[in-house]
Amino acid sequence: MFDDRSPIYLQIAEQIKNDIVTGALAENEQVMSTNQYAAFYRINPATAAKGFAQLVDEGVLYKKRGIGMFVSPDARDLLRTGRRDSFFAEVVDPMIREAKAIGVPLTEIVQHLQKDGEP
């Protein structure tokens, strides 16, 4: 599951975020504990805890003392909004700059997207 692209705790956080965005984890659903996560993936519990702590800091997970970690009620909306912002900043805005640089009108881009977006 893990690769060498980034620290394992970041990959843990990203996987949980993906599970929330895709609906594999629902809002208010309990997630595995750090010890369960560490045992399942054979990693150090401190590494799993660091990934979980990041998600708590971001408001994606919340703790119930003595029970465990849960998906925050608005986590999916929070994550989708962040990804939309990144999509425009990292994909759409550079595309528009390049289109302007090579003289492609916006109408032609829209027509191309509409054509490719239809089944």
PDB file of N, CA and C in Angstrom:
ATOM      1  N   MET A   1       0.821  -1.192   0.000  1.00  0.00           N
ATOM      2  CA  MET A   1       0.000   0.000   0.000  1.00  0.00           C
ATOM      3  C   MET A   1       0.860   1.250   0.000  1.00  0.00           C
ATOM      4  N   PHE A   2       1.967   1.236   0.710  1.00  0.00           N
ATOM      5  CA  PHE A   2       2.786   2.434   0.816  1.00  0.00           C
ATOM      6  C   PHE A   2       3.935   2.390  -0.182  1.00  0.00           C
ATOM      7  N   ASP A   3       4.350   3.576  -0.628  1.00  0.00           N
ATOM      8  CA  ASP A   3       5.488   3.660  -1.539  1.00  0.00           C
ATOM      9  C   ASP A   3       6.485   4.680  -0.998  1.00  0.00           C
ATOM     10  N   ASP A   4       7.474   5.003  -1.790  1.00  0.00           N
ATOM     11  CA  ASP A   4       8.535   5.895  -1.324  1.00  0.00           C
ATOM     12  C   ASP A   4       8.327   7.350  -1.743  1.00  0.00           C
ATOM     13  N   ARG A   5       7.152   7.677  -2.300  1.00  0.00           N
ATOM     14  CA  ARG A   5       6.919   9.035  -2.785  1.00  0.00           C
ATOM     15  C   ARG A   5       6.877  10.078  -1.683  1.00  0.00           C
ATOM     16  N   SER A   6       6.323   9.713  -0.547  1.00  0.00           N
ATOM     17  CA  SER A   6       6.170  10.667   0.557  1.00  0.00           C
ATOM     18  C   SER A   6       6.180   9.890   1.874  1.00  0.00           C
ATOM     19  N   PRO A   7       6.311  10.590   3.004  1.00  0.00           N
ATOM     20  CA  PRO A   7       6.308   9.893   4.287  1.00  0.00           C
ATOM     21  C   PRO A   7       5.033   9.064   4.484  1.00  0.00           C
ATOM     22  N   ILE A   8       5.174   7.955   5.175  1.00  0.00           N
ATOM     23  CA  ILE A   8       4.048   7.029   5.353  1.00  0.00           C
ATOM     24  C   ILE A   8       2.875   7.706   6.056  1.00  0.00           C
ATOM     25  N   TYR A   9       3.157   8.562   7.041  1.00  0.00           N
ATOM     26  CA  TYR A   9       2.037   9.194   7.742  1.00  0.00           C
ATOM     27  C   TYR A   9       1.202  10.071   6.802  1.00  0.00           C
ATOM     28  N   LEU A  10       1.871  10.694   5.810  1.00  0.00           N
ATOM     29  CA  LEU A  10       1.121  11.489   4.829  1.00  0.00           C
ATOM     30  C   LEU A  10       0.298  10.588   3.911  1.00  0.00           C
ATOM     31  N   GLN A  11       0.845   9.424   3.576  1.00  0.00           N
ATOM     32  CA  GLN A  11       0.108   8.483   2.731  1.00  0.00           C
ATOM     33  C   GLN A  11      -1.102   7.925   3.475  1.00  0.00           C
ATOM     34  N   ILE A  12      -0.953   7.707   4.777  1.00  0.00           N
ATOM     35  CA  ILE A  12      -2.085   7.259   5.591  1.00  0.00           C
ATOM     36  C   ILE A  12      -3.184   8.325   5.574  1.00  0.00           C
ATOM     37  N   ALA A  13      -2.794   9.559   5.809  1.00  0.00           N
ATOM     38  CA  ALA A  13      -3.769  10.655   5.819  1.00  0.00           C
ATOM     39  C   ALA A  13      -4.456  10.778   4.459  1.00  0.00           C
ATOM     40  N   GLU A  14      -3.678  10.657   3.387  1.00  0.00           N
ATOM     41  CA  GLU A  14      -4.251  10.792   2.046  1.00  0.00           C
ATOM     42  C   GLU A  14      -5.220   9.643   1.739  1.00  0.00           C
ATOM     43  N   GLN A  15      -4.878   8.427   2.158  1.00  0.00           N
ATOM     44  CA  GLN A  15      -5.763   7.283   1.916  1.00  0.00           C
ATOM     45  C   GLN A  15      -7.095   7.452   2.651  1.00  0.00           C
ATOM     46  N   ILE A  16      -7.032   7.918   3.879  1.00  0.00           N
ATOM     47  CA  ILE A  16      -8.268   8.133   4.638  1.00  0.00           C
ATOM     48  C   ILE A  16      -9.090   9.250   3.980  1.00  0.00           C
ATOM     49  N   LYS A  17      -8.430  10.296   3.531  1.00  0.00           N
ATOM     50  CA  LYS A  17      -9.146  11.376   2.828  1.00  0.00           C
ATOM     51  C   LYS A  17      -9.823  10.837   1.568  1.00  0.00           C
ATOM     52  N   ASN A  18      -9.095  10.027   0.802  1.00  0.00           N
ATOM     53  CA  ASN A  18      -9.690   9.441  -0.406  1.00  0.00           C
ATOM     54  C   ASN A  18     -10.899   8.582  -0.066  1.00  0.00           C
ATOM     55  N   ASP A  19     -10.803   7.810   1.004  1.00  0.00           N
ATOM     56  CA  ASP A  19     -11.928   6.965   1.414  1.00  0.00           C
ATOM     57  C   ASP A  19     -13.147   7.818   1.793  1.00  0.00           C
ATOM     58  N   ILE A  20     -12.912   8.963   2.363  1.00  0.00           N
ATOM     59  CA  ILE A  20     -14.024   9.855   2.735  1.00  0.00           C
ATOM     60  C   ILE A  20     -14.631  10.473   1.477  1.00  0.00           C
ATOM     61  N   VAL A  21     -13.792  10.962   0.575  1.00  0.00           N
ATOM     62  CA  VAL A  21     -14.294  11.604  -0.645  1.00  0.00           C
ATOM     63  C   VAL A  21     -15.084  10.620  -1.500  1.00  0.00           C
ATOM     64  N   THR A  22     -14.617   9.384  -1.600  1.00  0.00           N
ATOM     65  CA  THR A  22     -15.311   8.389  -2.433  1.00  0.00           C
ATOM     66  C   THR A  22     -16.522   7.771  -1.737  1.00  0.00           C
ATOM     67  N   GLY A  23     -16.663   8.028  -0.438  1.00  0.00           N
ATOM     68  CA  GLY A  23     -17.801   7.477   0.290  1.00  0.00           C
ATOM     69  C   GLY A  23     -17.512   6.143   0.959  1.00  0.00           C
ATOM     70  N   ALA A  24     -16.290   5.639   0.833  1.00  0.00           N
ATOM     71  CA  ALA A  24     -15.941   4.385   1.508  1.00  0.00           C
ATOM     72  C   ALA A  24     -16.004   4.558   3.024  1.00  0.00           C
ATOM     73  N   LEU A  25     -15.728   5.767   3.491  1.00  0.00           N
ATOM     74  CA  LEU A  25     -15.914   6.117   4.902  1.00  0.00           C
ATOM     75  C   LEU A  25     -16.980   7.204   4.970  1.00  0.00           C
ATOM     76  N   ALA A  26     -17.995   6.974   5.768  1.00  0.00           N
ATOM     77  CA  ALA A  26     -19.093   7.938   5.893  1.00  0.00           C
ATOM     78  C   ALA A  26     -18.845   8.887   7.061  1.00  0.00           C
ATOM     79  N   GLU A  27     -19.537   9.990   7.034  1.00  0.00           N
ATOM     80  CA  GLU A  27     -19.455  10.954   8.124  1.00  0.00           C
ATOM     81  C   GLU A  27     -19.937  10.301   9.414  1.00  0.00           C
ATOM     82  N   ASN A  28     -19.242  10.584  10.479  1.00  0.00           N
ATOM     83  CA  ASN A  28     -19.499  10.024  11.814  1.00  0.00           C
ATOM     84  C   ASN A  28     -19.209   8.538  11.928  1.00  0.00           C
ATOM     85  N   GLU A  29     -18.594   7.945  10.916  1.00  0.00           N
ATOM     86  CA  GLU A  29     -18.206   6.537  10.971  1.00  0.00           C
ATOM     87  C   GLU A  29     -16.874   6.414  11.712  1.00  0.00           C
ATOM     88  N   GLN A  30     -16.755   5.388  12.515  1.00  0.00           N
ATOM     89  CA  GLN A  30     -15.513   5.166  13.247  1.00  0.00           C
ATOM     90  C   GLN A  30     -14.448   4.610  12.306  1.00  0.00           C
ATOM     91  N   VAL A  31     -13.225   5.094  12.454  1.00  0.00           N
ATOM     92  CA  VAL A  31     -12.106   4.577  11.677  1.00  0.00           C
ATOM     93  C   VAL A  31     -11.285   3.663  12.567  1.00  0.00           C
ATOM     94  N   MET A  32     -10.429   2.867  11.949  1.00  0.00           N
ATOM     95  CA  MET A  32      -9.576   1.975  12.732  1.00  0.00           C
ATOM     96  C   MET A  32      -8.746   2.794  13.709  1.00  0.00           C
ATOM     97  N   SER A  33      -8.419   2.202  14.833  1.00  0.00           N
ATOM     98  CA  SER A  33      -7.550   2.878  15.787  1.00  0.00           C
ATOM     99  C   SER A  33      -6.125   2.891  15.234  1.00  0.00           C
ATOM    100  N   THR A  34      -5.284   3.713  15.837  1.00  0.00           N
ATOM    101  CA  THR A  34      -3.894   3.758  15.378  1.00  0.00           C
ATOM    102  C   THR A  34      -3.217   2.405  15.584  1.00  0.00           C
ATOM    103  N   ASN A  35      -3.539   1.724  16.676  1.00  0.00           N
ATOM    104  CA  ASN A  35      -2.941   0.401  16.925  1.00  0.00           C
ATOM    105  C   ASN A  35      -3.441  -0.635  15.918  1.00  0.00           C
ATOM    106  N   GLN A  36      -4.729  -0.610  15.592  1.00  0.00           N
ATOM    107  CA  GLN A  36      -5.254  -1.529  14.582  1.00  0.00           C
ATOM    108  C   GLN A  36      -4.611  -1.238  13.222  1.00  0.00           C
ATOM    109  N   TYR A  37      -4.531   0.057  12.918  1.00  0.00           N
ATOM    110  CA  TYR A  37      -3.940   0.467  11.638  1.00  0.00           C
ATOM    111  C   TYR A  37      -2.488   0.008  11.552  1.00  0.00           C
ATOM    112  N   ALA A  38      -1.745   0.240  12.633  1.00  0.00           N
ATOM    113  CA  ALA A  38      -0.330  -0.146  12.672  1.00  0.00           C
ATOM    114  C   ALA A  38      -0.167  -1.662  12.543  1.00  0.00           C
ATOM    115  N   ALA A  39      -1.021  -2.416  13.232  1.00  0.00           N
ATOM    116  CA  ALA A  39      -0.923  -3.879  13.161  1.00  0.00           C
ATOM    117  C   ALA A  39      -1.293  -4.392  11.775  1.00  0.00           C
ATOM    118  N   PHE A  40      -2.333  -3.837  11.188  1.00  0.00           N
ATOM    119  CA  PHE A  40      -2.800  -4.285   9.873  1.00  0.00           C
ATOM    120  C   PHE A  40      -1.749  -4.023   8.795  1.00  0.00           C
ATOM    121  N   TYR A  41      -1.150  -2.821   8.818  1.00  0.00           N
ATOM    122  CA  TYR A  41      -0.182  -2.461   7.776  1.00  0.00           C
ATOM    123  C   TYR A  41       1.270  -2.696   8.196  1.00  0.00           C
ATOM    124  N   ARG A  42       1.441  -3.228   9.408  1.00  0.00           N
ATOM    125  CA  ARG A  42       2.776  -3.541   9.922  1.00  0.00           C
ATOM    126  C   ARG A  42       3.701  -2.324   9.890  1.00  0.00           C
ATOM    127  N   ILE A  43       3.213  -1.268  10.531  1.00  0.00           N
ATOM    128  CA  ILE A  43       3.997  -0.039  10.650  1.00  0.00           C
ATOM    129  C   ILE A  43       4.049   0.342  12.118  1.00  0.00           C
ATOM    130  N   ASN A  44       4.886   1.299  12.429  1.00  0.00           N
ATOM    131  CA  ASN A  44       5.013   1.789  13.797  1.00  0.00           C
ATOM    132  C   ASN A  44       3.730   2.527  14.190  1.00  0.00           C
ATOM    133  N   PRO A  45       3.166   2.240  15.369  1.00  0.00           N
ATOM    134  CA  PRO A  45       1.948   2.955  15.793  1.00  0.00           C
ATOM    135  C   PRO A  45       2.128   4.473  15.842  1.00  0.00           C
ATOM    136  N   ALA A  46       3.337   4.934  16.131  1.00  0.00           N
ATOM    137  CA  ALA A  46       3.582   6.385  16.160  1.00  0.00           C
ATOM    138  C   ALA A  46       3.414   7.001  14.775  1.00  0.00           C
ATOM    139  N   THR A  47       3.752   6.245  13.747  1.00  0.00           N
ATOM    140  CA  THR A  47       3.585   6.735  12.377  1.00  0.00           C
ATOM    141  C   THR A  47       2.101   6.878  12.054  1.00  0.00           C
ATOM    142  N   ALA A  48       1.325   5.870  12.402  1.00  0.00           N
ATOM    143  CA  ALA A  48      -0.131   5.948  12.177  1.00  0.00           C
ATOM    144  C   ALA A  48      -0.716   7.091  12.986  1.00  0.00           C
ATOM    145  N   ALA A  49      -0.267   7.239  14.231  1.00  0.00           N
ATOM    146  CA  ALA A  49      -0.794   8.305  15.087  1.00  0.00           C
ATOM    147  C   ALA A  49      -0.499   9.687  14.505  1.00  0.00           C
ATOM    148  N   LYS A  50       0.671   9.834  13.882  1.00  0.00           N
ATOM    149  CA  LYS A  50       1.026  11.123  13.275  1.00  0.00           C
ATOM    150  C   LYS A  50       0.080  11.451  12.111  1.00  0.00           C
ATOM    151  N   GLY A  51      -0.255  10.451  11.314  1.00  0.00           N
ATOM    152  CA  GLY A  51      -1.211  10.669  10.216  1.00  0.00           C
ATOM    153  C   GLY A  51      -2.589  11.021  10.738  1.00  0.00           C
ATOM    154  N   PHE A  52      -3.020  10.334  11.780  1.00  0.00           N
ATOM    155  CA  PHE A  52      -4.330  10.614  12.373  1.00  0.00           C
ATOM    156  C   PHE A  52      -4.349  12.008  12.994  1.00  0.00           C
ATOM    157  N   ALA A  53      -3.245  12.390  13.656  1.00  0.00           N
ATOM    158  CA  ALA A  53      -3.177  13.710  14.288  1.00  0.00           C
ATOM    159  C   ALA A  53      -3.309  14.816  13.244  1.00  0.00           C
ATOM    160  N   GLN A  54      -2.707  14.597  12.087  1.00  0.00           N
ATOM    161  CA  GLN A  54      -2.827  15.598  11.021  1.00  0.00           C
ATOM    162  C   GLN A  54      -4.285  15.756  10.597  1.00  0.00           C
ATOM    163  N   LEU A  55      -4.990  14.626  10.484  1.00  0.00           N
ATOM    164  CA  LEU A  55      -6.396  14.676  10.073  1.00  0.00           C
ATOM    165  C   LEU A  55      -7.265  15.346  11.137  1.00  0.00           C
ATOM    166  N   VAL A  56      -6.930  15.155  12.391  1.00  0.00           N
ATOM    167  CA  VAL A  56      -7.655  15.841  13.469  1.00  0.00           C
ATOM    168  C   VAL A  56      -7.396  17.345  13.375  1.00  0.00           C
ATOM    169  N   ASP A  57      -6.135  17.721  13.160  1.00  0.00           N
ATOM    170  CA  ASP A  57      -5.789  19.144  13.030  1.00  0.00           C
ATOM    171  C   ASP A  57      -6.519  19.798  11.855  1.00  0.00           C
ATOM    172  N   GLU A  58      -6.734  19.047  10.790  1.00  0.00           N
ATOM    173  CA  GLU A  58      -7.412  19.576   9.598  1.00  0.00           C
ATOM    174  C   GLU A  58      -8.926  19.551   9.733  1.00  0.00           C
ATOM    175  N   GLY A  59      -9.453  18.950  10.794  1.00  0.00           N
ATOM    176  CA  GLY A  59     -10.895  18.881  10.987  1.00  0.00           C
ATOM    177  C   GLY A  59     -11.565  17.744  10.240  1.00  0.00           C
ATOM    178  N   VAL A  60     -10.776  16.793   9.740  1.00  0.00           N
ATOM    179  CA  VAL A  60     -11.320  15.663   8.986  1.00  0.00           C
ATOM    180  C   VAL A  60     -11.790  14.556   9.931  1.00  0.00           C
ATOM    181  N   LEU A  61     -11.056  14.338  11.022  1.00  0.00           N
ATOM    182  CA  LEU A  61     -11.420  13.346  12.035  1.00  0.00           C
ATOM    183  C   LEU A  61     -11.609  14.044  13.379  1.00  0.00           C
ATOM    184  N   TYR A  62     -12.370  13.420  14.250  1.00  0.00           N
ATOM    185  CA  TYR A  62     -12.469  13.899  15.621  1.00  0.00           C
ATOM    186  C   TYR A  62     -12.386  12.700  16.567  1.00  0.00           C
ATOM    187  N   LYS A  63     -11.949  12.998  17.805  1.00  0.00           N
ATOM    188  CA  LYS A  63     -11.762  11.948  18.804  1.00  0.00           C
ATOM    189  C   LYS A  63     -12.942  11.903  19.750  1.00  0.00           C
ATOM    190  N   LYS A  64     -13.323  10.685  20.132  1.00  0.00           N
ATOM    191  CA  LYS A  64     -14.245  10.486  21.246  1.00  0.00           C
ATOM    192  C   LYS A  64     -13.432   9.778  22.305  1.00  0.00           C
ATOM    193  N   ARG A  65     -13.177  10.475  23.376  1.00  0.00           N
ATOM    194  CA  ARG A  65     -12.295   9.936  24.417  1.00  0.00           C
ATOM    195  C   ARG A  65     -12.764   8.555  24.862  1.00  0.00           C
ATOM    196  N   GLY A  66     -11.828   7.617  24.816  1.00  0.00           N
ATOM    197  CA  GLY A  66     -12.094   6.253  25.256  1.00  0.00           C
ATOM    198  C   GLY A  66     -12.820   5.395  24.234  1.00  0.00           C
ATOM    199  N   ILE A  67     -13.218   5.971  23.109  1.00  0.00           N
ATOM    200  CA  ILE A  67     -13.953   5.199  22.095  1.00  0.00           C
ATOM    201  C   ILE A  67     -13.129   5.070  20.816  1.00  0.00           C
ATOM    202  N   GLY A  68     -12.610   6.202  20.308  1.00  0.00           N
ATOM    203  CA  GLY A  68     -11.807   6.143  19.088  1.00  0.00           C
ATOM    204  C   GLY A  68     -11.933   7.378  18.233  1.00  0.00           C
ATOM    205  N   MET A  69     -11.551   7.227  16.982  1.00  0.00           N
ATOM    206  CA  MET A  69     -11.571   8.322  16.004  1.00  0.00           C
ATOM    207  C   MET A  69     -12.750   8.134  15.056  1.00  0.00           C
ATOM    208  N   PHE A  70     -13.348   9.272  14.669  1.00  0.00           N
ATOM    209  CA  PHE A  70     -14.515   9.251  13.792  1.00  0.00           C
ATOM    210  C   PHE A  70     -14.355  10.299  12.694  1.00  0.00           C
ATOM    211  N   VAL A  71     -15.048  10.067  11.600  1.00  0.00           N
ATOM    212  CA  VAL A  71     -15.038  11.030  10.499  1.00  0.00           C
ATOM    213  C   VAL A  71     -15.916  12.219  10.897  1.00  0.00           C
ATOM    214  N   SER A  72     -15.386  13.421  10.743  1.00  0.00           N
ATOM    215  CA  SER A  72     -16.131  14.637  11.091  1.00  0.00           C
ATOM    216  C   SER A  72     -17.384  14.777  10.228  1.00  0.00           C
ATOM    217  N   PRO A  73     -18.430  15.368  10.790  1.00  0.00           N
ATOM    218  CA  PRO A  73     -19.690  15.479  10.054  1.00  0.00           C
ATOM    219  C   PRO A  73     -19.578  16.211   8.711  1.00  0.00           C
ATOM    220  N   ASP A  74     -18.694  17.185   8.619  1.00  0.00           N
ATOM    221  CA  ASP A  74     -18.573  17.934   7.364  1.00  0.00           C
ATOM    222  C   ASP A  74     -17.287  17.618   6.605  1.00  0.00           C
ATOM    223  N   ALA A  75     -16.669  16.489   6.907  1.00  0.00           N
ATOM    224  CA  ALA A  75     -15.372  16.147   6.314  1.00  0.00           C
ATOM    225  C   ALA A  75     -15.436  16.027   4.798  1.00  0.00           C
ATOM    226  N   ARG A  76     -16.459  15.372   4.282  1.00  0.00           N
ATOM    227  CA  ARG A  76     -16.531  15.175   2.826  1.00  0.00           C
ATOM    228  C   ARG A  76     -16.629  16.507   2.094  1.00  0.00           C
ATOM    229  N   ASP A  77     -17.485  17.397   2.584  1.00  0.00           N
ATOM    230  CA  ASP A  77     -17.614  18.722   1.960  1.00  0.00           C
ATOM    231  C   ASP A  77     -16.310  19.498   2.068  1.00  0.00           C
ATOM    232  N   LEU A  78     -15.678  19.428   3.226  1.00  0.00           N
ATOM    233  CA  LEU A  78     -14.405  20.117   3.444  1.00  0.00           C
ATOM    234  C   LEU A  78     -13.349  19.636   2.451  1.00  0.00           C
ATOM    235  N   LEU A  79     -13.241  18.323   2.293  1.00  0.00           N
ATOM    236  CA  LEU A  79     -12.242  17.754   1.389  1.00  0.00           C
ATOM    237  C   LEU A  79     -12.564  18.054  -0.072  1.00  0.00           C
ATOM    238  N   ARG A  80     -13.833  17.951  -0.435  1.00  0.00           N
ATOM    239  CA  ARG A  80     -14.214  18.226  -1.832  1.00  0.00           C
ATOM    240  C   ARG A  80     -13.964  19.689  -2.185  1.00  0.00           C
ATOM    241  N   THR A  81     -14.242  20.599  -1.261  1.00  0.00           N
ATOM    242  CA  THR A  81     -13.987  22.017  -1.513  1.00  0.00           C
ATOM    243  C   THR A  81     -12.496  22.254  -1.715  1.00  0.00           C
ATOM    244  N   GLY A  82     -11.682  21.655  -0.879  1.00  0.00           N
ATOM    245  CA  GLY A  82     -10.234  21.797  -1.024  1.00  0.00           C
ATOM    246  C   GLY A  82      -9.725  21.240  -2.342  1.00  0.00           C
ATOM    247  N   ARG A  83     -10.273  20.107  -2.739  1.00  0.00           N
ATOM    248  CA  ARG A  83      -9.828  19.504  -4.002  1.00  0.00           C
ATOM    249  C   ARG A  83     -10.297  20.313  -5.208  1.00  0.00           C
ATOM    250  N   ARG A  84     -11.485  20.896  -5.108  1.00  0.00           N
ATOM    251  CA  ARG A  84     -11.951  21.765  -6.197  1.00  0.00           C
ATOM    252  C   ARG A  84     -11.017  22.962  -6.351  1.00  0.00           C
ATOM    253  N   ASP A  85     -10.653  23.563  -5.222  1.00  0.00           N
ATOM    254  CA  ASP A  85      -9.738  24.711  -5.266  1.00  0.00           C
ATOM    255  C   ASP A  85      -8.406  24.302  -5.895  1.00  0.00           C
ATOM    256  N   SER A  86      -7.892  23.147  -5.514  1.00  0.00           N
ATOM    257  CA  SER A  86      -6.630  22.657  -6.075  1.00  0.00           C
ATOM    258  C   SER A  86      -6.776  22.347  -7.557  1.00  0.00           C
ATOM    259  N   PHE A  87      -7.923  21.787  -7.935  1.00  0.00           N
ATOM    260  CA  PHE A  87      -8.163  21.460  -9.343  1.00  0.00           C
ATOM    261  C   PHE A  87      -8.062  22.704 -10.216  1.00  0.00           C
ATOM    262  N   PHE A  88      -8.708  23.783  -9.783  1.00  0.00           N
ATOM    263  CA  PHE A  88      -8.654  25.009 -10.577  1.00  0.00           C
ATOM    264  C   PHE A  88      -7.252  25.603 -10.569  1.00  0.00           C
ATOM    265  N   ALA A  89      -6.597  25.607  -9.419  1.00  0.00           N
ATOM    266  CA  ALA A  89      -5.262  26.204  -9.319  1.00  0.00           C
ATOM    267  C   ALA A  89      -4.204  25.399 -10.068  1.00  0.00           C
ATOM    268  N   GLU A  90      -4.322  24.074 -10.038  1.00  0.00           N
ATOM    269  CA  GLU A  90      -3.274  23.223 -10.604  1.00  0.00           C
ATOM    270  C   GLU A  90      -3.569  22.730 -12.020  1.00  0.00           C
ATOM    271  N   VAL A  91      -4.851  22.726 -12.422  1.00  0.00           N
ATOM    272  CA  VAL A  91      -5.199  22.175 -13.734  1.00  0.00           C
ATOM    273  C   VAL A  91      -5.807  23.251 -14.649  1.00  0.00           C
ATOM    274  N   VAL A  92      -6.889  23.872 -14.204  1.00  0.00           N
ATOM    275  CA  VAL A  92      -7.632  24.772 -15.082  1.00  0.00           C
ATOM    276  C   VAL A  92      -6.863  26.071 -15.341  1.00  0.00           C
ATOM    277  N   ASP A  93      -6.349  26.712 -14.301  1.00  0.00           N
ATOM    278  CA  ASP A  93      -5.653  27.986 -14.491  1.00  0.00           C
ATOM    279  C   ASP A  93      -4.434  27.851 -15.407  1.00  0.00           C
ATOM    280  N   PRO A  94      -3.585  26.821 -15.230  1.00  0.00           N
ATOM    281  CA  PRO A  94      -2.471  26.660 -16.183  1.00  0.00           C
ATOM    282  C   PRO A  94      -2.958  26.395 -17.612  1.00  0.00           C
ATOM    283  N   MET A  95      -4.071  25.656 -17.751  1.00  0.00           N
ATOM    284  CA  MET A  95      -4.610  25.390 -19.079  1.00  0.00           C
ATOM    285  C   MET A  95      -5.056  26.697 -19.741  1.00  0.00           C
ATOM    286  N   ILE A  96      -5.716  27.557 -18.990  1.00  0.00           N
ATOM    287  CA  ILE A  96      -6.184  28.829 -19.538  1.00  0.00           C
ATOM    288  C   ILE A  96      -4.991  29.703 -19.937  1.00  0.00           C
ATOM    289  N   ARG A  97      -3.965  29.720 -19.096  1.00  0.00           N
ATOM    290  CA  ARG A  97      -2.764  30.507 -19.443  1.00  0.00           C
ATOM    291  C   ARG A  97      -2.135  29.992 -20.741  1.00  0.00           C
ATOM    292  N   GLU A  98      -2.047  28.686 -20.878  1.00  0.00           N
ATOM    293  CA  GLU A  98      -1.452  28.106 -22.082  1.00  0.00           C
ATOM    294  C   GLU A  98      -2.340  28.387 -23.296  1.00  0.00           C
ATOM    295  N   ALA A  99      -3.643  28.285 -23.129  1.00  0.00           N
ATOM    296  CA  ALA A  99      -4.559  28.551 -24.237  1.00  0.00           C
ATOM    297  C   ALA A  99      -4.413  29.999 -24.712  1.00  0.00           C
ATOM    298  N   LYS A 100      -4.298  30.920 -23.761  1.00  0.00           N
ATOM    299  CA  LYS A 100      -4.105  32.334 -24.139  1.00  0.00           C
ATOM    300  C   LYS A 100      -2.780  32.506 -24.865  1.00  0.00           C
ATOM    301  N   ALA A 101      -1.752  31.826 -24.397  1.00  0.00           N
ATOM    302  CA  ALA A 101      -0.425  31.959 -24.996  1.00  0.00           C
ATOM    303  C   ALA A 101      -0.397  31.469 -26.436  1.00  0.00           C
ATOM    304  N   ILE A 102      -1.175  30.436 -26.739  1.00  0.00           N
ATOM    305  CA  ILE A 102      -1.145  29.888 -28.106  1.00  0.00           C
ATOM    306  C   ILE A 102      -2.361  30.303 -28.926  1.00  0.00           C
ATOM    307  N   GLY A 103      -3.197  31.187 -28.370  1.00  0.00           N
ATOM    308  CA  GLY A 103      -4.301  31.761 -29.134  1.00  0.00           C
ATOM    309  C   GLY A 103      -5.528  30.883 -29.275  1.00  0.00           C
ATOM    310  N   VAL A 104      -5.803  30.026 -28.314  1.00  0.00           N
ATOM    311  CA  VAL A 104      -7.018  29.206 -28.353  1.00  0.00           C
ATOM    312  C   VAL A 104      -8.121  29.961 -27.625  1.00  0.00           C
ATOM    313  N   PRO A 105      -9.232  30.287 -28.327  1.00  0.00           N
ATOM    314  CA  PRO A 105     -10.310  31.019 -27.661  1.00  0.00           C
ATOM    315  C   PRO A 105     -11.043  30.143 -26.625  1.00  0.00           C
ATOM    316  N   LEU A 106     -11.586  30.801 -25.617  1.00  0.00           N
ATOM    317  CA  LEU A 106     -12.301  30.101 -24.542  1.00  0.00           C
ATOM    318  C   LEU A 106     -13.455  29.273 -25.099  1.00  0.00           C
ATOM    319  N   THR A 107     -14.153  29.804 -26.106  1.00  0.00           N
ATOM    320  CA  THR A 107     -15.282  29.060 -26.684  1.00  0.00           C
ATOM    321  C   THR A 107     -14.839  27.712 -27.256  1.00  0.00           C
ATOM    322  N   GLU A 108     -13.659  27.681 -27.859  1.00  0.00           N
ATOM    323  CA  GLU A 108     -13.144  26.424 -28.422  1.00  0.00           C
ATOM    324  C   GLU A 108     -12.803  25.435 -27.306  1.00  0.00           C
ATOM    325  N   ILE A 109     -12.288  25.933 -26.194  1.00  0.00           N
ATOM    326  CA  ILE A 109     -11.984  25.057 -25.049  1.00  0.00           C
ATOM    327  C   ILE A 109     -13.276  24.469 -24.494  1.00  0.00           C
ATOM    328  N   VAL A 110     -14.288  25.310 -24.341  1.00  0.00           N
ATOM    329  CA  VAL A 110     -15.573  24.846 -23.807  1.00  0.00           C
ATOM    330  C   VAL A 110     -16.180  23.799 -24.737  1.00  0.00           C
ATOM    331  N   GLN A 111     -16.150  24.057 -26.049  1.00  0.00           N
ATOM    332  CA  GLN A 111     -16.691  23.100 -27.021  1.00  0.00           C
ATOM    333  C   GLN A 111     -15.941  21.761 -26.928  1.00  0.00           C
ATOM    334  N   HIS A 112     -14.641  21.827 -26.794  1.00  0.00           N
ATOM    335  CA  HIS A 112     -13.835  20.598 -26.694  1.00  0.00           C
ATOM    336  C   HIS A 112     -14.181  19.816 -25.421  1.00  0.00           C
ATOM    337  N   LEU A 113     -14.328  20.540 -24.312  1.00  0.00           N
ATOM    338  CA  LEU A 113     -14.672  19.871 -23.057  1.00  0.00           C
ATOM    339  C   LEU A 113     -16.060  19.254 -23.124  1.00  0.00           C
ATOM    340  N   GLN A 114     -17.002  19.973 -23.735  1.00  0.00           N
ATOM    341  CA  GLN A 114     -18.368  19.453 -23.854  1.00  0.00           C
ATOM    342  C   GLN A 114     -18.397  18.221 -24.753  1.00  0.00           C
ATOM    343  N   LYS A 115     -17.634  18.246 -25.824  1.00  0.00           N
ATOM    344  CA  LYS A 115     -17.599  17.106 -26.750  1.00  0.00           C
ATOM    345  C   LYS A 115     -17.001  15.871 -26.060  1.00  0.00           C
ATOM    346  N   ASP A 116     -15.908  16.059 -25.349  1.00  0.00           N
ATOM    347  CA  ASP A 116     -15.254  14.936 -24.674  1.00  0.00           C
ATOM    348  C   ASP A 116     -16.001  14.483 -23.422  1.00  0.00           C
ATOM    349  N   GLY A 117     -16.830  15.363 -22.869  1.00  0.00           N
ATOM    350  CA  GLY A 117     -17.549  15.016 -21.660  1.00  0.00           C
ATOM    351  C   GLY A 117     -18.808  14.218 -21.894  1.00  0.00           C
ATOM    352  N   GLU A 118     -19.252  14.149 -23.162  1.00  0.00           N
ATOM    353  CA  GLU A 118     -20.475  13.394 -23.463  1.00  0.00           C
ATOM    354  C   GLU A 118     -20.150  11.929 -23.683  1.00  0.00           C
ATOM    355  N   PRO A 119     -21.068  11.061 -23.286  1.00  0.00           N
ATOM    356  CA  PRO A 119     -20.820   9.618 -23.465  1.00  0.00           C
ATOM    357  C   PRO A 119     -20.834   9.188 -24.915  1.00  0.00           C
TER     358      PRO A 119
END
